Amino acid sequence: MATAALLLAPVAAPWSRVPSAGRRVRCAATAPAPMGEKTEYRDGPVERAFMGLFARKMEKYAVVSSSGGKGKEKKKEKSSRSVWEWDYESFVDVSRRVMVGRTRAQQQEAVREVLLSMLPPGAPEQFKKLFPPTRWACEFNAALTVPFFHWLVGPSEVVEVEVNGVKQKSGVLIKKCRYLENSGCVGMCVNMCKIPTQNFFTNEFGLPLTMNPNFEDMSCEMIYGQVPPPLEEDPASKQPCYANLCSISTPSAPICPKLQT
């Protein structure tokens, strides 16, 4: 999902955070809500349009949320909705329904197909020509990520990282991931965002990318230029559920069931 946002989304307009006390704080880029509180965003029509664009593409792979005729009517109603009439919660709901009935690998493949459908023909080949895996390309893509991913993952900033022994500004620190915060689901983070985005940049675009989510504070570090580890060696693949956040969690399981093969 994040891949197409980087290529297609305009720079998102600043939004506000509304703390529980009701006082509005302009520019959530510097003040995401602390753990235990949910950041509230005020999305404009541009942000909603991109949520709707992604959601409508993903809905082709999502199960209907209810059965029978009512379910079909609901699906039809959603499909006819204008792209700017969606909100972030409905976007996350579509992501959740894409996971239903699919294995981990099938979920990741569904996201890959959605990403490809979002791009113009020949985009991966053009990307490889424009951005060969150089230090400049890694730093340039990191700089683009901050404004272009804003609506999807929330506030972030470019940070210095070390790639193959070289320090460079090709890292992006997402302060508190909006997708993880709203889904409250470890499996959705890994299967619907982290792994598909890593694979798409690394395999389709030829620009290595590693994403390191921190499930304790919901931050995430993106490192352009770093080849991601095999899934079985990735600490993210061995995370337990968010027992107090995920509605379908299995607290007794040592690893989130959605991360099982």
C-alpha atoms as a PDB file:
ATOM      1  CA  MET A   1       0.000   0.000   0.000  1.00  0.00           C
ATOM      2  CA  ALA A   2       2.719   2.415   0.906  1.00  0.00           C
ATOM      3  CA  THR A   3       4.475   1.932  -2.436  1.00  0.00           C
ATOM      4  CA  ALA A   4       1.706   3.424  -4.521  1.00  0.00           C
ATOM      5  CA  ALA A   5       1.294   6.236  -2.029  1.00  0.00           C
ATOM      6  CA  LEU A   6       4.919   7.198  -2.517  1.00  0.00           C
ATOM      7  CA  LEU A   7       4.581   7.291  -6.291  1.00  0.00           C
ATOM      8  CA  LEU A   8       1.125   8.796  -6.669  1.00  0.00           C
ATOM      9  CA  ALA A   9       0.076  10.758  -3.587  1.00  0.00           C
ATOM     10  CA  PRO A  10       0.492  14.546  -3.501  1.00  0.00           C
ATOM     11  CA  VAL A  11       2.043  16.185  -0.495  1.00  0.00           C
ATOM     12  CA  ALA A  12      -0.591  15.821   2.198  1.00  0.00           C
ATOM     13  CA  ALA A  13      -1.869  18.974   3.848  1.00  0.00           C
ATOM     14  CA  PRO A  14      -1.146  19.314   7.578  1.00  0.00           C
ATOM     15  CA  TRP A  15      -3.893  18.052   9.848  1.00  0.00           C
ATOM     16  CA  SER A  16      -4.752  18.544  13.471  1.00  0.00           C
ATOM     17  CA  ARG A  17      -4.640  16.269  16.440  1.00  0.00           C
ATOM     18  CA  VAL A  18      -7.492  16.517  18.897  1.00  0.00           C
ATOM     19  CA  PRO A  19      -6.396  15.378  22.388  1.00  0.00           C
ATOM     20  CA  SER A  20      -8.873  13.913  24.844  1.00  0.00           C
ATOM     21  CA  ALA A  21      -9.142  17.273  26.613  1.00  0.00           C
ATOM     22  CA  GLY A  22     -10.623  18.738  23.447  1.00  0.00           C
ATOM     23  CA  ARG A  23      -7.871  21.287  22.780  1.00  0.00           C
ATOM     24  CA  ARG A  24      -6.757  21.243  19.153  1.00  0.00           C
ATOM     25  CA  VAL A  25      -3.067  21.105  18.408  1.00  0.00           C
ATOM     26  CA  ARG A  26      -2.087  22.115  14.896  1.00  0.00           C
ATOM     27  CA  CYS A  27       0.266  19.885  12.925  1.00  0.00           C
ATOM     28  CA  ALA A  28       0.230  16.302  14.187  1.00  0.00           C
ATOM     29  CA  ALA A  29       3.661  15.902  12.581  1.00  0.00           C
ATOM     30  CA  THR A  30       5.319  16.763  15.890  1.00  0.00           C
ATOM     31  CA  ALA A  31       2.773  15.524  18.395  1.00  0.00           C
ATOM     32  CA  PRO A  32       1.263  12.061  17.858  1.00  0.00           C
ATOM     33  CA  ALA A  33      -0.773  10.840  20.810  1.00  0.00           C
ATOM     34  CA  PRO A  34       1.201   8.926  23.464  1.00  0.00           C
ATOM     35  CA  MET A  35       0.718   5.203  23.929  1.00  0.00           C
ATOM     36  CA  GLY A  36      -2.632   4.459  25.466  1.00  0.00           C
ATOM     37  CA  GLU A  37      -4.253   7.345  23.590  1.00  0.00           C
ATOM     38  CA  LYS A  38      -5.380   7.353  19.981  1.00  0.00           C
ATOM     39  CA  THR A  39      -4.223  10.088  17.655  1.00  0.00           C
ATOM     40  CA  GLU A  40      -7.141  11.813  15.962  1.00  0.00           C
ATOM     41  CA  TYR A  41      -6.589  13.197  12.482  1.00  0.00           C
ATOM     42  CA  ARG A  42      -8.574  15.742  10.539  1.00  0.00           C
ATOM     43  CA  ASP A  43      -8.320  14.529   6.961  1.00  0.00           C
ATOM     44  CA  GLY A  44      -9.122  16.812   4.059  1.00  0.00           C
ATOM     45  CA  PRO A  45     -10.665  15.830   0.706  1.00  0.00           C
ATOM     46  CA  VAL A  46      -7.276  14.983  -0.825  1.00  0.00           C
ATOM     47  CA  GLU A  47      -6.403  12.551   1.944  1.00  0.00           C
ATOM     48  CA  ARG A  48      -9.869  10.988   1.778  1.00  0.00           C
ATOM     49  CA  ALA A  49      -9.572  10.639  -1.991  1.00  0.00           C
ATOM     50  CA  PHE A  50      -6.432   8.553  -1.652  1.00  0.00           C
ATOM     51  CA  MET A  51      -7.980   6.460   1.098  1.00  0.00           C
ATOM     52  CA  GLY A  52     -10.919   5.803  -1.204  1.00  0.00           C
ATOM     53  CA  LEU A  53      -8.705   5.073  -4.197  1.00  0.00           C
ATOM     54  CA  PHE A  54      -6.754   2.456  -2.265  1.00  0.00           C
ATOM     55  CA  ALA A  55      -9.857   1.010  -0.602  1.00  0.00           C
ATOM     56  CA  ARG A  56     -11.749   0.588  -3.878  1.00  0.00           C
ATOM     57  CA  LYS A  57      -8.794  -1.239  -5.418  1.00  0.00           C
ATOM     58  CA  MET A  58      -8.483  -3.479  -2.374  1.00  0.00           C
ATOM     59  CA  GLU A  59     -12.202  -4.185  -2.168  1.00  0.00           C
ATOM     60  CA  LYS A  60     -11.905  -6.523  -5.163  1.00  0.00           C
ATOM     61  CA  TYR A  61     -10.005  -8.899  -2.853  1.00  0.00           C
ATOM     62  CA  ALA A  62     -12.097  -8.341   0.294  1.00  0.00           C
ATOM     63  CA  VAL A  63     -14.862 -10.567   1.595  1.00  0.00           C
ATOM     64  CA  VAL A  64     -18.287  -9.025   2.064  1.00  0.00           C
ATOM     65  CA  SER A  65     -18.727  -8.018   5.693  1.00  0.00           C
ATOM     66  CA  SER A  66     -22.195  -9.596   5.966  1.00  0.00           C
ATOM     67  CA  SER A  67     -23.902 -12.560   4.289  1.00  0.00           C
ATOM     68  CA  GLY A  68     -26.916 -12.853   2.027  1.00  0.00           C
ATOM     69  CA  GLY A  69     -28.642 -10.136   0.051  1.00  0.00           C
ATOM     70  CA  LYS A  70     -27.879  -7.409   2.562  1.00  0.00           C
ATOM     71  CA  GLY A  71     -24.190  -8.140   2.222  1.00  0.00           C
ATOM     72  CA  LYS A  72     -24.364  -7.851  -1.545  1.00  0.00           C
ATOM     73  CA  GLU A  73     -26.205  -4.578  -1.283  1.00  0.00           C
ATOM     74  CA  LYS A  74     -23.591  -3.290   1.136  1.00  0.00           C
ATOM     75  CA  LYS A  75     -20.803  -4.240  -1.225  1.00  0.00           C
ATOM     76  CA  LYS A  76     -22.539  -2.526  -4.101  1.00  0.00           C
ATOM     77  CA  GLU A  77     -23.122   0.583  -2.014  1.00  0.00           C
ATOM     78  CA  LYS A  78     -19.436   0.778  -1.056  1.00  0.00           C
ATOM     79  CA  SER A  79     -18.268   0.310  -4.623  1.00  0.00           C
ATOM     80  CA  SER A  80     -20.428   3.212  -5.814  1.00  0.00           C
ATOM     81  CA  ARG A  81     -19.060   5.538  -3.142  1.00  0.00           C
ATOM     82  CA  SER A  82     -16.951   8.432  -4.414  1.00  0.00           C
ATOM     83  CA  VAL A  83     -13.278   8.136  -3.523  1.00  0.00           C
ATOM     84  CA  TRP A  84     -13.361  11.203  -1.259  1.00  0.00           C
ATOM     85  CA  GLU A  85     -16.306   9.824   0.717  1.00  0.00           C
ATOM     86  CA  TRP A  86     -14.163   7.180   2.436  1.00  0.00           C
ATOM     87  CA  ASP A  87     -12.431   7.626   5.783  1.00  0.00           C
ATOM     88  CA  TYR A  88      -9.432   5.952   7.360  1.00  0.00           C
ATOM     89  CA  GLU A  89     -11.498   3.535   9.436  1.00  0.00           C
ATOM     90  CA  SER A  90     -13.250   2.138   6.349  1.00  0.00           C
ATOM     91  CA  PHE A  91      -9.877   1.883   4.589  1.00  0.00           C
ATOM     92  CA  VAL A  92      -8.536  -0.213   7.494  1.00  0.00           C
ATOM     93  CA  ASP A  93     -11.730  -2.292   7.483  1.00  0.00           C
ATOM     94  CA  VAL A  94     -11.167  -3.221   3.827  1.00  0.00           C
ATOM     95  CA  SER A  95      -7.597  -4.252   4.686  1.00  0.00           C
ATOM     96  CA  ARG A  96      -8.919  -6.475   7.457  1.00  0.00           C
ATOM     97  CA  ARG A  97     -11.436  -8.124   5.120  1.00  0.00           C
ATOM     98  CA  VAL A  98      -8.718  -8.815   2.540  1.00  0.00           C
ATOM     99  CA  MET A  99      -7.034 -11.031   5.140  1.00  0.00           C
ATOM    100  CA  VAL A 100     -10.110 -13.197   5.742  1.00  0.00           C
ATOM    101  CA  GLY A 101      -9.800 -16.687   4.284  1.00  0.00           C
ATOM    102  CA  ARG A 102      -6.260 -16.133   2.969  1.00  0.00           C
ATOM    103  CA  THR A 103      -2.926 -17.522   4.092  1.00  0.00           C
ATOM    104  CA  ARG A 104      -0.104 -15.181   4.988  1.00  0.00           C
ATOM    105  CA  ALA A 105       1.426 -15.578   1.517  1.00  0.00           C
ATOM    106  CA  GLN A 106      -1.937 -15.015  -0.185  1.00  0.00           C
ATOM    107  CA  GLN A 107      -2.508 -11.835   1.791  1.00  0.00           C
ATOM    108  CA  GLN A 108       0.869 -10.487   0.715  1.00  0.00           C
ATOM    109  CA  GLU A 109       0.225 -11.443  -2.911  1.00  0.00           C
ATOM    110  CA  ALA A 110      -3.138  -9.662  -2.826  1.00  0.00           C
ATOM    111  CA  VAL A 111      -1.416  -6.468  -1.674  1.00  0.00           C
ATOM    112  CA  ARG A 112       1.186  -6.859  -4.432  1.00  0.00           C
ATOM    113  CA  GLU A 113      -1.553  -7.086  -7.058  1.00  0.00           C
ATOM    114  CA  VAL A 114      -3.269  -4.018  -5.610  1.00  0.00           C
ATOM    115  CA  LEU A 115      -0.005  -2.068  -5.748  1.00  0.00           C
ATOM    116  CA  LEU A 116       0.599  -3.060  -9.353  1.00  0.00           C
ATOM    117  CA  SER A 117      -2.936  -2.013 -10.271  1.00  0.00           C
ATOM    118  CA  MET A 118      -2.290   1.436  -8.775  1.00  0.00           C
ATOM    119  CA  LEU A 119       0.689   2.107 -11.034  1.00  0.00           C
ATOM    120  CA  PRO A 120       0.779   3.061 -14.714  1.00  0.00           C
ATOM    121  CA  PRO A 121       2.082   0.428 -17.173  1.00  0.00           C
ATOM    122  CA  GLY A 122       5.855   0.047 -17.090  1.00  0.00           C
ATOM    123  CA  ALA A 123       6.227   1.938 -13.794  1.00  0.00           C
ATOM    124  CA  PRO A 124       8.616  -0.586 -12.154  1.00  0.00           C
ATOM    125  CA  GLU A 125      10.963  -0.471 -15.151  1.00  0.00           C
ATOM    126  CA  GLN A 126      10.891   3.330 -15.176  1.00  0.00           C
ATOM    127  CA  PHE A 127      11.550   3.407 -11.440  1.00  0.00           C
ATOM    128  CA  LYS A 128      14.639   1.234 -11.879  1.00  0.00           C
ATOM    129  CA  LYS A 129      15.986   3.639 -14.514  1.00  0.00           C
ATOM    130  CA  LEU A 130      15.299   6.723 -12.425  1.00  0.00           C
ATOM    131  CA  PHE A 131      16.389   5.270  -9.097  1.00  0.00           C
ATOM    132  CA  PRO A 132      19.187   2.710  -9.380  1.00  0.00           C
ATOM    133  CA  PRO A 133      20.248   1.450  -5.927  1.00  0.00           C
ATOM    134  CA  THR A 134      22.678   4.277  -5.156  1.00  0.00           C
ATOM    135  CA  ARG A 135      23.099   6.324  -1.994  1.00  0.00           C
ATOM    136  CA  TRP A 136      21.463   9.297  -3.725  1.00  0.00           C
ATOM    137  CA  ALA A 137      18.420   7.240  -4.729  1.00  0.00           C
ATOM    138  CA  CYS A 138      18.032   5.899  -1.190  1.00  0.00           C
ATOM    139  CA  GLU A 139      18.254   9.357   0.365  1.00  0.00           C
ATOM    140  CA  PHE A 140      15.944  10.871  -2.243  1.00  0.00           C
ATOM    141  CA  ASN A 141      13.255   8.256  -1.645  1.00  0.00           C
ATOM    142  CA  ALA A 142      13.581   8.728   2.105  1.00  0.00           C
ATOM    143  CA  ALA A 143      12.998  12.460   1.653  1.00  0.00           C
ATOM    144  CA  LEU A 144       9.929  11.790  -0.506  1.00  0.00           C
ATOM    145  CA  THR A 145       8.503   9.339   1.990  1.00  0.00           C
ATOM    146  CA  VAL A 146       7.923  11.913   4.740  1.00  0.00           C
ATOM    147  CA  PRO A 147       5.325  14.033   2.895  1.00  0.00           C
ATOM    148  CA  PHE A 148       3.951  11.325   0.593  1.00  0.00           C
ATOM    149  CA  PHE A 149       3.311   8.730   3.327  1.00  0.00           C
ATOM    150  CA  HIS A 150       1.881  11.244   5.791  1.00  0.00           C
ATOM    151  CA  TRP A 151      -1.782  10.428   5.202  1.00  0.00           C
ATOM    152  CA  LEU A 152      -1.125   6.687   5.397  1.00  0.00           C
ATOM    153  CA  VAL A 153       1.240   6.227   8.345  1.00  0.00           C
ATOM    154  CA  GLY A 154       1.204   9.587  10.112  1.00  0.00           C
ATOM    155  CA  PRO A 155       4.089  11.870  11.147  1.00  0.00           C
ATOM    156  CA  SER A 156       7.631  10.842  10.223  1.00  0.00           C
ATOM    157  CA  GLU A 157      11.090  12.294   9.766  1.00  0.00           C
ATOM    158  CA  VAL A 158      14.293  11.500   7.874  1.00  0.00           C
ATOM    159  CA  VAL A 159      17.021  10.027  10.084  1.00  0.00           C
ATOM    160  CA  GLU A 160      20.607   8.959   9.580  1.00  0.00           C
ATOM    161  CA  VAL A 161      21.193   5.199   9.351  1.00  0.00           C
ATOM    162  CA  GLU A 162      24.107   2.916   8.573  1.00  0.00           C
ATOM    163  CA  VAL A 163      23.867   0.788   5.428  1.00  0.00           C
ATOM    164  CA  ASN A 164      26.713  -1.582   4.608  1.00  0.00           C
ATOM    165  CA  GLY A 165      29.024   0.354   6.907  1.00  0.00           C
ATOM    166  CA  VAL A 166      28.157   3.753   5.394  1.00  0.00           C
ATOM    167  CA  LYS A 167      26.198   6.415   7.258  1.00  0.00           C
ATOM    168  CA  GLN A 168      23.550   8.089   5.142  1.00  0.00           C
ATOM    169  CA  LYS A 169      20.246   9.883   5.505  1.00  0.00           C
ATOM    170  CA  SER A 170      18.168   7.121   3.955  1.00  0.00           C
ATOM    171  CA  GLY A 171      16.180   6.234   7.049  1.00  0.00           C
ATOM    172  CA  VAL A 172      12.647   7.323   7.880  1.00  0.00           C
ATOM    173  CA  LEU A 173      11.334   7.189  11.435  1.00  0.00           C
ATOM    174  CA  ILE A 174       7.546   6.900  11.605  1.00  0.00           C
ATOM    175  CA  LYS A 175       6.769   8.288  15.043  1.00  0.00           C
ATOM    176  CA  LYS A 176       3.562   6.353  15.662  1.00  0.00           C
ATOM    177  CA  CYS A 177       2.231   4.410  12.696  1.00  0.00           C
ATOM    178  CA  ARG A 178      -1.339   5.372  11.895  1.00  0.00           C
ATOM    179  CA  TYR A 179      -2.045   2.039  10.204  1.00  0.00           C
ATOM    180  CA  LEU A 180      -0.844  -0.009  13.183  1.00  0.00           C
ATOM    181  CA  GLU A 181      -2.536   2.306  15.669  1.00  0.00           C
ATOM    182  CA  ASN A 182      -5.917   2.083  13.917  1.00  0.00           C
ATOM    183  CA  SER A 183      -5.815  -1.639  13.130  1.00  0.00           C
ATOM    184  CA  GLY A 184      -4.377  -2.680  16.490  1.00  0.00           C
ATOM    185  CA  CYS A 185      -3.241  -5.817  14.682  1.00  0.00           C
ATOM    186  CA  VAL A 186       0.289  -7.223  14.459  1.00  0.00           C
ATOM    187  CA  GLY A 187      -0.660  -9.523  11.565  1.00  0.00           C
ATOM    188  CA  MET A 188      -2.075  -6.658   9.501  1.00  0.00           C
ATOM    189  CA  CYS A 189       1.084  -4.621  10.049  1.00  0.00           C
ATOM    190  CA  VAL A 190       3.361  -7.447   8.915  1.00  0.00           C
ATOM    191  CA  ASN A 191       1.274  -9.101   6.172  1.00  0.00           C
ATOM    192  CA  MET A 192      -0.503  -6.098   4.686  1.00  0.00           C
ATOM    193  CA  CYS A 193       2.179  -3.413   4.964  1.00  0.00           C
ATOM    194  CA  LYS A 194       5.701  -4.359   6.063  1.00  0.00           C
ATOM    195  CA  ILE A 195       6.399  -7.453   3.959  1.00  0.00           C
ATOM    196  CA  PRO A 196       4.550  -6.383   0.761  1.00  0.00           C
ATOM    197  CA  THR A 197       6.186  -2.932   0.804  1.00  0.00           C
ATOM    198  CA  GLN A 198       9.656  -4.372   1.428  1.00  0.00           C
ATOM    199  CA  ASN A 199       9.216  -6.937  -1.325  1.00  0.00           C
ATOM    200  CA  PHE A 200       7.796  -4.440  -3.794  1.00  0.00           C
ATOM    201  CA  PHE A 201      10.670  -1.989  -3.460  1.00  0.00           C
ATOM    202  CA  THR A 202      13.319  -4.704  -3.299  1.00  0.00           C
ATOM    203  CA  ASN A 203      12.019  -7.055  -6.002  1.00  0.00           C
ATOM    204  CA  GLU A 204       9.876  -4.933  -8.328  1.00  0.00           C
ATOM    205  CA  PHE A 205      11.759  -1.632  -8.099  1.00  0.00           C
ATOM    206  CA  GLY A 206      15.252  -2.941  -7.405  1.00  0.00           C
ATOM    207  CA  LEU A 207      15.728  -0.565  -4.452  1.00  0.00           C
ATOM    208  CA  PRO A 208      16.233  -2.522  -1.205  1.00  0.00           C
ATOM    209  CA  LEU A 209      14.048  -1.492   1.714  1.00  0.00           C
ATOM    210  CA  THR A 210      13.788  -2.815   5.251  1.00  0.00           C
ATOM    211  CA  MET A 211      10.998  -1.840   7.638  1.00  0.00           C
ATOM    212  CA  ASN A 212      11.459  -2.360  11.380  1.00  0.00           C
ATOM    213  CA  PRO A 213       8.210  -1.839  13.295  1.00  0.00           C
ATOM    214  CA  ASN A 214       8.458  -1.341  17.047  1.00  0.00           C
ATOM    215  CA  PHE A 215       5.378  -2.984  18.531  1.00  0.00           C
ATOM    216  CA  GLU A 216       5.979  -1.461  21.964  1.00  0.00           C
ATOM    217  CA  ASP A 217       5.532   2.187  20.940  1.00  0.00           C
ATOM    218  CA  MET A 218       4.064   1.684  17.406  1.00  0.00           C
ATOM    219  CA  SER A 219       6.947   3.523  15.747  1.00  0.00           C
ATOM    220  CA  CYS A 220       8.614   2.127  12.628  1.00  0.00           C
ATOM    221  CA  GLU A 221      11.987   2.650  10.983  1.00  0.00           C
ATOM    222  CA  MET A 222      12.270   2.396   7.202  1.00  0.00           C
ATOM    223  CA  ILE A 223      15.785   1.906   5.834  1.00  0.00           C
ATOM    224  CA  TYR A 224      16.257   2.451   2.110  1.00  0.00           C
ATOM    225  CA  GLY A 225      19.269   0.583   0.745  1.00  0.00           C
ATOM    226  CA  GLN A 226      19.166  -2.228   3.312  1.00  0.00           C
ATOM    227  CA  VAL A 227      18.178  -5.665   2.042  1.00  0.00           C
ATOM    228  CA  PRO A 228      15.411  -7.100   4.260  1.00  0.00           C
ATOM    229  CA  PRO A 229      16.107 -10.355   6.102  1.00  0.00           C
ATOM    230  CA  PRO A 230      14.259 -13.576   5.230  1.00  0.00           C
ATOM    231  CA  LEU A 231      10.874 -13.643   6.911  1.00  0.00           C
ATOM    232  CA  GLU A 232      11.783 -16.580   9.151  1.00  0.00           C
ATOM    233  CA  GLU A 233      14.725 -14.534  10.542  1.00  0.00           C
ATOM    234  CA  ASP A 234      12.751 -11.314  10.952  1.00  0.00           C
ATOM    235  CA  PRO A 235      11.791 -10.511  14.589  1.00  0.00           C
ATOM    236  CA  ALA A 236       8.488  -9.064  13.312  1.00  0.00           C
ATOM    237  CA  SER A 237       7.382 -12.539  12.230  1.00  0.00           C
ATOM    238  CA  LYS A 238       7.531 -13.803  15.815  1.00  0.00           C
ATOM    239  CA  GLN A 239       5.392 -11.180  17.549  1.00  0.00           C
ATOM    240  CA  PRO A 240       2.441 -12.034  19.806  1.00  0.00           C
ATOM    241  CA  CYS A 241      -0.969 -10.383  19.402  1.00  0.00           C
ATOM    242  CA  TYR A 242      -1.946  -7.024  20.783  1.00  0.00           C
ATOM    243  CA  ALA A 243      -4.243  -8.735  23.280  1.00  0.00           C
ATOM    244  CA  ASN A 244      -5.882  -5.496  24.399  1.00  0.00           C
ATOM    245  CA  LEU A 245      -6.270  -3.964  20.937  1.00  0.00           C
ATOM    246  CA  CYS A 246      -7.036  -6.711  18.418  1.00  0.00           C
ATOM    247  CA  SER A 247     -10.649  -7.934  18.447  1.00  0.00           C
ATOM    248  CA  ILE A 248      -9.651 -11.367  17.128  1.00  0.00           C
ATOM    249  CA  SER A 249      -6.445 -11.800  19.085  1.00  0.00           C
ATOM    250  CA  THR A 250      -5.263 -15.034  20.691  1.00  0.00           C
ATOM    251  CA  PRO A 251      -3.579 -13.864  23.904  1.00  0.00           C
ATOM    252  CA  SER A 252      -2.385 -17.354  24.823  1.00  0.00           C
ATOM    253  CA  ALA A 253      -0.496 -17.814  21.533  1.00  0.00           C
ATOM    254  CA  PRO A 254       3.227 -16.947  21.664  1.00  0.00           C
ATOM    255  CA  ILE A 255       3.032 -15.712  18.053  1.00  0.00           C
ATOM    256  CA  CYS A 256       0.143 -13.912  16.353  1.00  0.00           C
ATOM    257  CA  PRO A 257      -1.825 -16.610  14.471  1.00  0.00           C
ATOM    258  CA  LYS A 258      -1.890 -14.411  11.352  1.00  0.00           C
ATOM    259  CA  LEU A 259       1.897 -14.722  11.166  1.00  0.00           C
ATOM    260  CA  GLN A 260       1.805 -18.517  11.018  1.00  0.00           C
ATOM    261  CA  THR A 261       2.590 -20.164   7.708  1.00  0.00           C
END
